[in-house]
Protein backbone atom coordinates (compact mmCIF):
# COMPACT_ATOMS: atom_id res chain seq x y z
CA MET A 1 2.27 -21.02 -11.82
CA LYS A 2 1.66 -17.74 -9.97
CA LYS A 3 2.73 -15.69 -13.00
CA ARG A 4 0.30 -17.59 -15.22
CA PHE A 5 -2.53 -17.05 -12.71
CA LEU A 6 -1.89 -13.30 -12.61
CA LYS A 7 -1.86 -13.18 -16.40
CA GLU A 8 -5.28 -14.85 -16.50
CA ILE A 9 -6.65 -12.41 -13.89
CA TYR A 10 -5.41 -9.45 -15.98
CA TRP A 11 -7.14 -10.86 -19.08
CA LEU A 12 -10.37 -11.42 -17.13
CA ILE A 13 -10.38 -7.88 -15.72
CA GLY A 14 -9.56 -6.47 -19.16
CA ALA A 15 -12.42 -8.38 -20.78
CA ILE A 16 -14.88 -7.17 -18.13
CA VAL A 17 -13.78 -3.54 -18.54
CA ILE A 18 -14.05 -3.71 -22.33
CA THR A 19 -17.53 -5.27 -22.07
CA ILE A 20 -18.72 -2.50 -19.73
CA LEU A 21 -17.26 0.23 -21.97
CA LEU A 22 -18.86 -1.36 -25.03
CA GLY A 23 -22.21 -1.54 -23.22
CA PHE A 24 -22.07 2.13 -22.28
CA SER A 25 -21.08 3.13 -25.80
CA LEU A 26 -24.00 1.18 -27.30
CA PHE A 27 -26.73 1.84 -24.74
CA GLY A 28 -25.49 4.81 -22.70
CA GLU A 29 -26.95 5.29 -19.25
CA ARG A 30 -29.95 3.15 -20.27
CA LEU A 31 -27.78 0.04 -19.96
CA PHE A 32 -28.88 -0.70 -16.38
CA VAL A 33 -32.46 0.51 -16.81
CA GLY A 34 -34.74 -2.39 -17.74
CA GLY A 35 -35.95 -2.90 -21.26
CA THR A 36 -34.95 -5.15 -24.07
CA PHE A 37 -32.52 -5.23 -26.96
CA GLU A 38 -34.28 -6.15 -30.19
CA ILE A 39 -32.77 -7.56 -33.38
CA GLN A 40 -34.71 -8.33 -36.55
CA LEU A 41 -33.04 -10.77 -38.94
CA HIS A 42 -35.04 -11.48 -42.10
CA ASP A 43 -38.03 -13.39 -40.69
CA THR A 44 -36.71 -13.82 -37.14
CA PHE A 45 -37.23 -11.29 -34.35
CA LEU A 46 -35.01 -11.62 -31.27
CA SER A 47 -35.80 -9.77 -28.06
CA THR A 48 -33.47 -10.12 -25.08
CA PRO A 49 -32.51 -8.12 -21.97
CA LYS A 50 -29.66 -5.68 -22.63
CA MET A 51 -27.26 -7.29 -20.17
CA VAL A 52 -27.71 -10.68 -21.84
CA ALA A 53 -27.00 -9.12 -25.25
CA LEU A 54 -23.56 -8.05 -24.03
CA LEU A 55 -22.66 -11.60 -23.04
């Protein structure tokens, strides 16, 4: 049971680190500065905060 729990914690920490690194590679230092992330798909325009886009 304890071994399984530690394995899950390692996966969780790994996923968080990868998400942060991906965010910095896409947005740079502007990741934590307000603003929106905008996507235009055919006739649909999506505008969302950058932190939500990473989730």
